[in-house]
């Protein structure tokens, strides 16, 4: 009797371990979804304002990606910002990643000051313009 009791405890622990690992490998955990929903509420994004489409993916992954609708296209209707994500083979993970990107874009668009990344890009564009102009002037003199 005690042997079967230990076996039952082991199976319950084993099943809970499998379920925890499955959550890690199969998709996005509940805590990450809850954190994303809280961030959406803080940014003023409502679920009704988001349009979702599941489309066929492209790129690496072969037949699995090309024949199934695992890629996600999300659009925020009031701002018109749209995001497409097909980086993973799982539709659930792509949905989470696309929604997170959308929230990041809306949050960055709402802030009045430019982010450091946008400032760096602007600086690089200016440098390229100057170099191009110098090269043109040099070629004209020659």
N, C-alpha and C. Protein backbone atom coordinates (compact mmCIF):
# COMPACT_ATOMS: atom_id res chain seq x y z
N UNK A 1 0.82 -1.20 0.00
CA UNK A 1 0.00 0.00 0.00
C UNK A 1 0.86 1.26 0.00
N UNK A 2 1.92 1.28 0.75
CA UNK A 2 2.76 2.47 0.78
C UNK A 2 3.50 2.67 -0.55
N UNK A 3 3.78 1.57 -1.24
CA UNK A 3 4.46 1.68 -2.54
C UNK A 3 3.56 2.38 -3.55
N UNK A 4 2.30 1.99 -3.61
CA UNK A 4 1.39 2.63 -4.55
C UNK A 4 1.16 4.10 -4.17
N UNK A 5 1.19 4.39 -2.88
CA UNK A 5 1.03 5.76 -2.43
C UNK A 5 2.17 6.63 -2.94
N UNK A 6 3.40 6.12 -2.82
CA UNK A 6 4.56 6.87 -3.31
C UNK A 6 4.51 7.04 -4.82
N UNK A 7 4.04 6.01 -5.50
CA UNK A 7 3.94 6.09 -6.95
C UNK A 7 2.93 7.16 -7.35
N UNK A 8 1.82 7.24 -6.63
CA UNK A 8 0.82 8.27 -6.95
C UNK A 8 1.38 9.67 -6.73
N UNK A 9 2.14 9.87 -5.66
CA UNK A 9 2.73 11.17 -5.41
C UNK A 9 3.73 11.50 -6.53
N UNK A 10 4.51 10.52 -6.91
CA UNK A 10 5.49 10.73 -7.97
C UNK A 10 4.80 11.11 -9.27
N UNK A 11 3.69 10.44 -9.60
CA UNK A 11 3.02 10.75 -10.85
C UNK A 11 2.42 12.15 -10.82
N UNK A 12 1.86 12.55 -9.70
CA UNK A 12 1.30 13.89 -9.60
C UNK A 12 2.41 14.93 -9.75
N UNK A 13 3.54 14.71 -9.06
CA UNK A 13 4.66 15.64 -9.19
C UNK A 13 5.21 15.63 -10.62
N UNK A 14 5.30 14.46 -11.19
CA UNK A 14 5.81 14.32 -12.55
C UNK A 14 4.91 15.05 -13.55
N UNK A 15 3.59 14.90 -13.39
CA UNK A 15 2.64 15.56 -14.28
C UNK A 15 2.73 17.08 -14.13
N UNK A 16 2.85 17.56 -12.89
CA UNK A 16 2.95 19.02 -12.72
C UNK A 16 4.25 19.54 -13.32
N UNK A 17 5.34 18.76 -13.23
CA UNK A 17 6.59 19.15 -13.85
C UNK A 17 6.46 19.21 -15.37
N UNK A 18 5.80 18.22 -15.94
CA UNK A 18 5.59 18.19 -17.39
C UNK A 18 4.75 19.39 -17.82
N UNK A 19 3.70 19.71 -17.07
CA UNK A 19 2.85 20.84 -17.43
C UNK A 19 3.63 22.15 -17.38
N UNK A 20 4.49 22.32 -16.37
CA UNK A 20 5.30 23.53 -16.29
C UNK A 20 6.26 23.63 -17.47
N UNK A 21 6.92 22.52 -17.82
CA UNK A 21 7.84 22.52 -18.95
C UNK A 21 7.08 22.74 -20.25
N UNK A 22 5.88 22.18 -20.36
CA UNK A 22 5.09 22.33 -21.57
C UNK A 22 4.73 23.81 -21.78
N UNK A 23 4.42 24.49 -20.68
CA UNK A 23 4.11 25.92 -20.77
C UNK A 23 5.31 26.69 -21.29
N UNK A 24 6.49 26.29 -20.87
CA UNK A 24 7.70 26.98 -21.31
C UNK A 24 7.95 26.72 -22.79
N UNK A 25 7.81 25.46 -23.22
CA UNK A 25 8.16 25.11 -24.59
C UNK A 25 7.02 25.33 -25.58
N UNK A 26 5.78 25.24 -25.15
CA UNK A 26 4.66 25.28 -26.07
C UNK A 26 4.21 26.70 -26.40
N UNK A 27 4.52 27.64 -25.57
CA UNK A 27 4.04 28.97 -25.89
C UNK A 27 4.38 29.97 -24.81
N UNK A 28 3.60 31.01 -24.77
CA UNK A 28 3.84 32.11 -23.86
C UNK A 28 3.07 31.84 -22.58
N UNK A 29 3.71 32.08 -21.46
CA UNK A 29 3.09 31.84 -20.17
C UNK A 29 2.03 32.88 -19.82
N UNK A 30 1.22 32.53 -18.85
CA UNK A 30 0.12 33.39 -18.45
C UNK A 30 0.63 34.70 -17.85
N UNK A 31 1.76 34.67 -17.16
CA UNK A 31 2.30 35.89 -16.55
C UNK A 31 2.68 36.92 -17.60
N UNK A 32 3.25 36.44 -18.71
CA UNK A 32 3.64 37.37 -19.78
C UNK A 32 2.41 37.98 -20.44
N UNK A 33 1.36 37.16 -20.64
CA UNK A 33 0.12 37.71 -21.21
C UNK A 33 -0.47 38.77 -20.29
N UNK A 34 -0.50 38.47 -18.99
CA UNK A 34 -1.07 39.43 -18.04
C UNK A 34 -0.27 40.73 -18.02
N UNK A 35 1.05 40.62 -18.09
CA UNK A 35 1.89 41.82 -18.12
C UNK A 35 1.63 42.63 -19.39
N UNK A 36 1.42 41.94 -20.50
CA UNK A 36 1.14 42.63 -21.75
C UNK A 36 -0.22 43.33 -21.69
N UNK A 37 -1.23 42.66 -21.13
CA UNK A 37 -2.57 43.28 -21.01
C UNK A 37 -2.51 44.52 -20.11
N UNK A 38 -1.73 44.44 -19.02
CA UNK A 38 -1.58 45.60 -18.14
C UNK A 38 -0.91 46.76 -18.88
N UNK A 39 0.10 46.45 -19.67
CA UNK A 39 0.79 47.48 -20.44
C UNK A 39 -0.15 48.10 -21.48
N UNK A 40 -1.00 47.27 -22.08
CA UNK A 40 -1.98 47.79 -23.04
C UNK A 40 -2.95 48.75 -22.35
N UNK A 41 -3.39 48.39 -21.15
CA UNK A 41 -4.30 49.26 -20.41
C UNK A 41 -3.62 50.58 -20.05
N UNK A 42 -2.35 50.52 -19.67
CA UNK A 42 -1.61 51.74 -19.33
C UNK A 42 -1.44 52.65 -20.54
N UNK A 43 -1.29 52.06 -21.72
CA UNK A 43 -1.14 52.85 -22.95
C UNK A 43 -2.49 53.31 -23.50
N UNK A 44 -3.58 52.81 -22.96
CA UNK A 44 -4.91 53.19 -23.43
C UNK A 44 -5.36 52.40 -24.65
N UNK A 45 -4.78 51.23 -24.86
CA UNK A 45 -5.15 50.38 -26.00
C UNK A 45 -6.23 49.41 -25.53
N UNK A 46 -7.34 49.39 -26.27
CA UNK A 46 -8.42 48.48 -25.94
C UNK A 46 -8.45 47.33 -26.93
N UNK A 47 -8.94 46.20 -26.45
CA UNK A 47 -8.97 45.00 -27.29
C UNK A 47 -9.87 45.20 -28.51
N UNK A 48 -10.90 45.99 -28.38
CA UNK A 48 -11.84 46.22 -29.48
C UNK A 48 -11.21 47.03 -30.61
N UNK A 49 -10.16 47.79 -30.30
CA UNK A 49 -9.50 48.64 -31.30
C UNK A 49 -8.50 47.88 -32.15
N UNK A 50 -8.30 46.60 -31.86
CA UNK A 50 -7.28 45.82 -32.55
C UNK A 50 -7.95 44.84 -33.51
N UNK A 51 -7.48 44.85 -34.76
CA UNK A 51 -7.96 43.92 -35.78
C UNK A 51 -6.88 42.87 -36.01
N UNK A 52 -7.25 41.61 -35.92
CA UNK A 52 -6.30 40.50 -36.07
C UNK A 52 -6.64 39.66 -37.28
N UNK A 53 -5.60 39.29 -38.03
CA UNK A 53 -5.77 38.36 -39.14
C UNK A 53 -4.67 37.32 -39.05
N UNK A 54 -5.02 36.09 -39.32
CA UNK A 54 -4.03 35.02 -39.36
C UNK A 54 -3.80 34.68 -40.82
N UNK A 55 -2.56 34.88 -41.26
CA UNK A 55 -2.23 34.71 -42.67
C UNK A 55 -1.13 33.67 -42.83
N UNK A 56 -0.96 33.22 -44.06
CA UNK A 56 0.09 32.24 -44.33
C UNK A 56 1.45 32.91 -44.26
N UNK A 57 2.36 32.22 -43.64
CA UNK A 57 3.70 32.76 -43.47
C UNK A 57 4.55 32.54 -44.70
N UNK A 58 5.76 33.04 -44.63
CA UNK A 58 6.71 32.86 -45.72
C UNK A 58 8.10 32.80 -45.13
N UNK A 59 9.04 32.37 -45.96
CA UNK A 59 10.43 32.33 -45.51
C UNK A 59 10.84 30.95 -45.09
N UNK A 60 11.80 30.89 -44.18
CA UNK A 60 12.34 29.62 -43.74
C UNK A 60 11.31 28.83 -42.94
N UNK A 61 11.38 27.53 -43.03
CA UNK A 61 10.46 26.67 -42.29
C UNK A 61 9.78 25.66 -43.18
N UNK A 62 9.87 25.87 -44.48
CA UNK A 62 9.36 24.90 -45.44
C UNK A 62 7.84 24.81 -45.47
N UNK A 63 7.37 23.60 -45.69
CA UNK A 63 5.95 23.36 -45.91
C UNK A 63 5.11 23.76 -44.71
N UNK A 64 5.62 23.53 -43.50
CA UNK A 64 4.87 23.86 -42.29
C UNK A 64 4.51 25.35 -42.26
N UNK A 65 5.47 26.19 -42.60
CA UNK A 65 5.23 27.63 -42.55
C UNK A 65 4.41 28.10 -43.75
N UNK A 66 4.69 27.56 -44.92
CA UNK A 66 4.07 28.05 -46.14
C UNK A 66 2.61 27.63 -46.31
N UNK A 67 2.20 26.53 -45.70
CA UNK A 67 0.83 26.02 -45.92
C UNK A 67 -0.12 26.30 -44.76
N UNK A 68 0.41 26.66 -43.60
CA UNK A 68 -0.46 26.92 -42.45
C UNK A 68 -0.56 28.42 -42.18
N UNK A 69 -1.62 28.83 -41.59
CA UNK A 69 -1.83 30.25 -41.27
C UNK A 69 -1.25 30.54 -39.89
N UNK A 70 0.05 30.52 -39.79
CA UNK A 70 0.70 30.73 -38.50
C UNK A 70 1.18 32.16 -38.31
N UNK A 71 1.29 32.92 -39.37
CA UNK A 71 1.70 34.32 -39.25
C UNK A 71 0.51 35.17 -38.81
N UNK A 72 0.79 36.24 -38.11
CA UNK A 72 -0.26 37.10 -37.55
C UNK A 72 -0.08 38.52 -38.06
N UNK A 73 -1.18 39.12 -38.49
CA UNK A 73 -1.21 40.51 -38.92
C UNK A 73 -2.14 41.24 -37.98
N UNK A 74 -1.62 42.23 -37.26
CA UNK A 74 -2.41 42.97 -36.28
C UNK A 74 -2.39 44.44 -36.65
N UNK A 75 -3.56 45.09 -36.60
CA UNK A 75 -3.67 46.51 -36.91
C UNK A 75 -4.42 47.22 -35.80
N UNK A 76 -3.88 48.36 -35.37
CA UNK A 76 -4.57 49.21 -34.39
C UNK A 76 -5.38 50.21 -35.18
N UNK A 77 -6.69 50.10 -35.13
CA UNK A 77 -7.58 50.86 -35.99
C UNK A 77 -7.48 52.38 -35.78
N UNK A 78 -7.48 52.90 -34.54
CA UNK A 78 -7.43 54.35 -34.38
C UNK A 78 -6.15 55.00 -34.93
N UNK A 79 -5.01 54.37 -34.76
CA UNK A 79 -3.75 54.97 -35.22
C UNK A 79 -3.35 54.49 -36.61
N UNK A 80 -3.86 53.34 -37.03
CA UNK A 80 -3.50 52.80 -38.34
C UNK A 80 -2.18 52.06 -38.35
N UNK A 81 -1.57 51.88 -37.18
CA UNK A 81 -0.29 51.17 -37.09
C UNK A 81 -0.55 49.67 -37.24
N UNK A 82 0.24 49.01 -38.10
CA UNK A 82 0.05 47.58 -38.30
C UNK A 82 1.38 46.84 -38.14
N UNK A 83 1.27 45.57 -37.73
CA UNK A 83 2.43 44.73 -37.49
C UNK A 83 2.15 43.35 -38.05
N UNK A 84 3.15 42.76 -38.70
CA UNK A 84 3.06 41.38 -39.16
C UNK A 84 4.17 40.60 -38.49
N UNK A 85 3.84 39.44 -37.95
CA UNK A 85 4.84 38.61 -37.29
C UNK A 85 4.66 37.17 -37.72
N UNK A 86 5.71 36.60 -38.26
CA UNK A 86 5.70 35.20 -38.64
C UNK A 86 7.03 34.56 -38.29
N UNK A 87 7.66 35.04 -37.23
CA UNK A 87 9.00 34.59 -36.89
C UNK A 87 9.04 33.20 -36.28
N UNK A 88 7.91 32.73 -35.76
CA UNK A 88 7.87 31.41 -35.14
C UNK A 88 6.88 30.53 -35.89
N UNK A 89 6.98 29.22 -35.69
CA UNK A 89 6.06 28.30 -36.35
C UNK A 89 4.72 28.23 -35.62
N UNK A 90 4.69 28.73 -34.40
CA UNK A 90 3.47 28.67 -33.59
C UNK A 90 2.65 29.95 -33.75
N UNK A 91 1.36 29.77 -33.99
CA UNK A 91 0.46 30.92 -34.14
C UNK A 91 0.33 31.68 -32.83
N UNK A 92 0.31 30.97 -31.71
CA UNK A 92 0.13 31.61 -30.41
C UNK A 92 1.32 32.50 -30.06
N UNK A 93 2.51 32.00 -30.33
CA UNK A 93 3.71 32.81 -30.04
C UNK A 93 3.77 34.01 -30.98
N UNK A 94 3.45 33.81 -32.25
CA UNK A 94 3.44 34.92 -33.20
C UNK A 94 2.42 35.98 -32.81
N UNK A 95 1.29 35.55 -32.29
CA UNK A 95 0.26 36.49 -31.86
C UNK A 95 0.78 37.35 -30.71
N UNK A 96 1.42 36.71 -29.75
CA UNK A 96 1.97 37.44 -28.61
C UNK A 96 3.04 38.42 -29.06
N UNK A 97 3.97 37.95 -29.92
CA UNK A 97 5.07 38.80 -30.39
C UNK A 97 4.56 39.99 -31.19
N UNK A 98 3.56 39.76 -32.04
CA UNK A 98 3.01 40.85 -32.83
C UNK A 98 2.31 41.88 -31.95
N UNK A 99 1.57 41.40 -30.98
CA UNK A 99 0.87 42.31 -30.08
C UNK A 99 1.87 43.12 -29.26
N UNK A 100 2.94 42.48 -28.82
CA UNK A 100 3.97 43.19 -28.05
C UNK A 100 4.65 44.25 -28.92
N UNK A 101 4.95 43.92 -30.18
CA UNK A 101 5.54 44.91 -31.08
C UNK A 101 4.61 46.08 -31.31
N UNK A 102 3.31 45.78 -31.47
CA UNK A 102 2.32 46.83 -31.69
C UNK A 102 2.26 47.77 -30.49
N UNK A 103 2.26 47.22 -29.29
CA UNK A 103 2.22 48.04 -28.08
C UNK A 103 3.48 48.90 -28.00
N UNK A 104 4.64 48.33 -28.35
CA UNK A 104 5.88 49.10 -28.34
C UNK A 104 5.81 50.27 -29.33
N UNK A 105 5.31 50.01 -30.53
CA UNK A 105 5.20 51.07 -31.54
C UNK A 105 4.25 52.17 -31.11
N UNK A 106 3.11 51.78 -30.57
CA UNK A 106 2.12 52.78 -30.12
C UNK A 106 2.68 53.58 -28.95
N UNK A 107 3.36 52.90 -28.04
CA UNK A 107 3.94 53.57 -26.89
C UNK A 107 5.02 54.55 -27.32
N UNK A 108 5.88 54.15 -28.27
CA UNK A 108 6.93 55.05 -28.77
C UNK A 108 6.35 56.20 -29.57
N UNK A 109 5.27 55.94 -30.32
CA UNK A 109 4.64 57.01 -31.10
C UNK A 109 3.96 58.02 -30.18
N UNK A 110 3.46 57.56 -29.05
CA UNK A 110 2.78 58.44 -28.11
C UNK A 110 3.72 59.33 -27.34
N UNK A 111 4.94 58.89 -27.12
CA UNK A 111 5.89 59.72 -26.38
C UNK A 111 6.40 60.84 -27.29
N UNK A 112 6.49 62.03 -26.76
CA UNK A 112 6.85 63.18 -27.58
C UNK A 112 8.34 63.24 -27.88
N UNK A 113 9.17 62.80 -26.97
CA UNK A 113 10.61 62.84 -27.22
C UNK A 113 11.03 61.62 -28.02
N UNK A 114 12.02 61.82 -28.92
CA UNK A 114 12.50 60.71 -29.73
C UNK A 114 13.29 59.76 -28.86
N UNK A 115 13.18 58.51 -29.15
CA UNK A 115 13.97 57.54 -28.41
C UNK A 115 15.42 57.61 -28.87
N UNK A 116 16.30 57.03 -28.09
CA UNK A 116 17.73 57.05 -28.44
C UNK A 116 17.98 56.35 -29.76
N UNK A 117 17.25 55.29 -30.02
CA UNK A 117 17.42 54.54 -31.26
C UNK A 117 17.06 55.40 -32.47
N UNK A 118 15.98 56.14 -32.39
CA UNK A 118 15.57 56.99 -33.50
C UNK A 118 16.57 58.12 -33.72
N UNK A 119 17.15 58.64 -32.65
CA UNK A 119 18.16 59.69 -32.79
C UNK A 119 19.41 59.16 -33.48
N UNK A 120 19.81 57.93 -33.13
CA UNK A 120 20.98 57.32 -33.78
C UNK A 120 20.73 57.12 -35.27
N UNK A 121 19.54 56.67 -35.61
CA UNK A 121 19.20 56.46 -37.02
C UNK A 121 19.23 57.79 -37.77
N UNK A 122 18.69 58.84 -37.17
CA UNK A 122 18.72 60.16 -37.79
C UNK A 122 20.14 60.66 -38.01
N UNK A 123 21.00 60.43 -37.04
CA UNK A 123 22.40 60.83 -37.16
C UNK A 123 23.09 60.09 -38.30
N UNK A 124 22.84 58.80 -38.40
CA UNK A 124 23.45 57.99 -39.46
C UNK A 124 22.98 58.46 -40.83
N UNK A 125 21.70 58.78 -40.96
CA UNK A 125 21.16 59.27 -42.24
C UNK A 125 21.84 60.58 -42.64
N UNK A 126 22.02 61.50 -41.68
CA UNK A 126 22.69 62.76 -41.97
C UNK A 126 24.12 62.53 -42.43
N UNK A 127 24.81 61.60 -41.75
CA UNK A 127 26.20 61.31 -42.14
C UNK A 127 26.27 60.77 -43.56
N UNK A 128 25.35 59.89 -43.90
CA UNK A 128 25.34 59.32 -45.25
C UNK A 128 25.06 60.38 -46.30
N UNK A 129 24.15 61.31 -45.99
CA UNK A 129 23.87 62.41 -46.93
C UNK A 129 25.12 63.25 -47.17
N UNK A 130 25.83 63.58 -46.08
CA UNK A 130 27.05 64.40 -46.22
C UNK A 130 28.09 63.67 -47.06
N UNK A 131 28.27 62.38 -46.80
CA UNK A 131 29.26 61.61 -47.56
C UNK A 131 28.90 61.54 -49.03
N UNK A 132 27.62 61.34 -49.30
CA UNK A 132 27.15 61.27 -50.69
C UNK A 132 27.39 62.61 -51.40
N UNK A 133 27.10 63.70 -50.70
CA UNK A 133 27.28 65.03 -51.27
C UNK A 133 28.76 65.30 -51.55
N UNK A 134 29.64 64.92 -50.60
CA UNK A 134 31.08 65.10 -50.81
C UNK A 134 31.58 64.29 -51.98
N UNK A 135 31.07 63.05 -52.09
CA UNK A 135 31.49 62.19 -53.21
C UNK A 135 31.07 62.79 -54.54
N UNK A 136 29.87 63.35 -54.61
CA UNK A 136 29.39 63.99 -55.85
C UNK A 136 30.26 65.19 -56.19
N UNK A 137 30.57 66.01 -55.22
CA UNK A 137 31.40 67.19 -55.44
C UNK A 137 32.80 66.79 -55.90
N UNK A 138 33.34 65.74 -55.33
CA UNK A 138 34.66 65.26 -55.68
C UNK A 138 34.67 64.74 -57.12
N UNK A 139 33.62 64.02 -57.50
CA UNK A 139 33.53 63.47 -58.87
C UNK A 139 33.34 64.58 -59.90
N UNK A 140 32.68 65.67 -59.54
CA UNK A 140 32.47 66.78 -60.48
C UNK A 140 33.78 67.52 -60.75
N UNK A 141 34.61 67.65 -59.69
CA UNK A 141 35.89 68.36 -59.84
C UNK A 141 36.86 67.57 -60.68
N UNK A 142 36.78 66.26 -60.62
CA UNK A 142 37.74 65.41 -61.35
C UNK A 142 37.52 65.37 -62.82
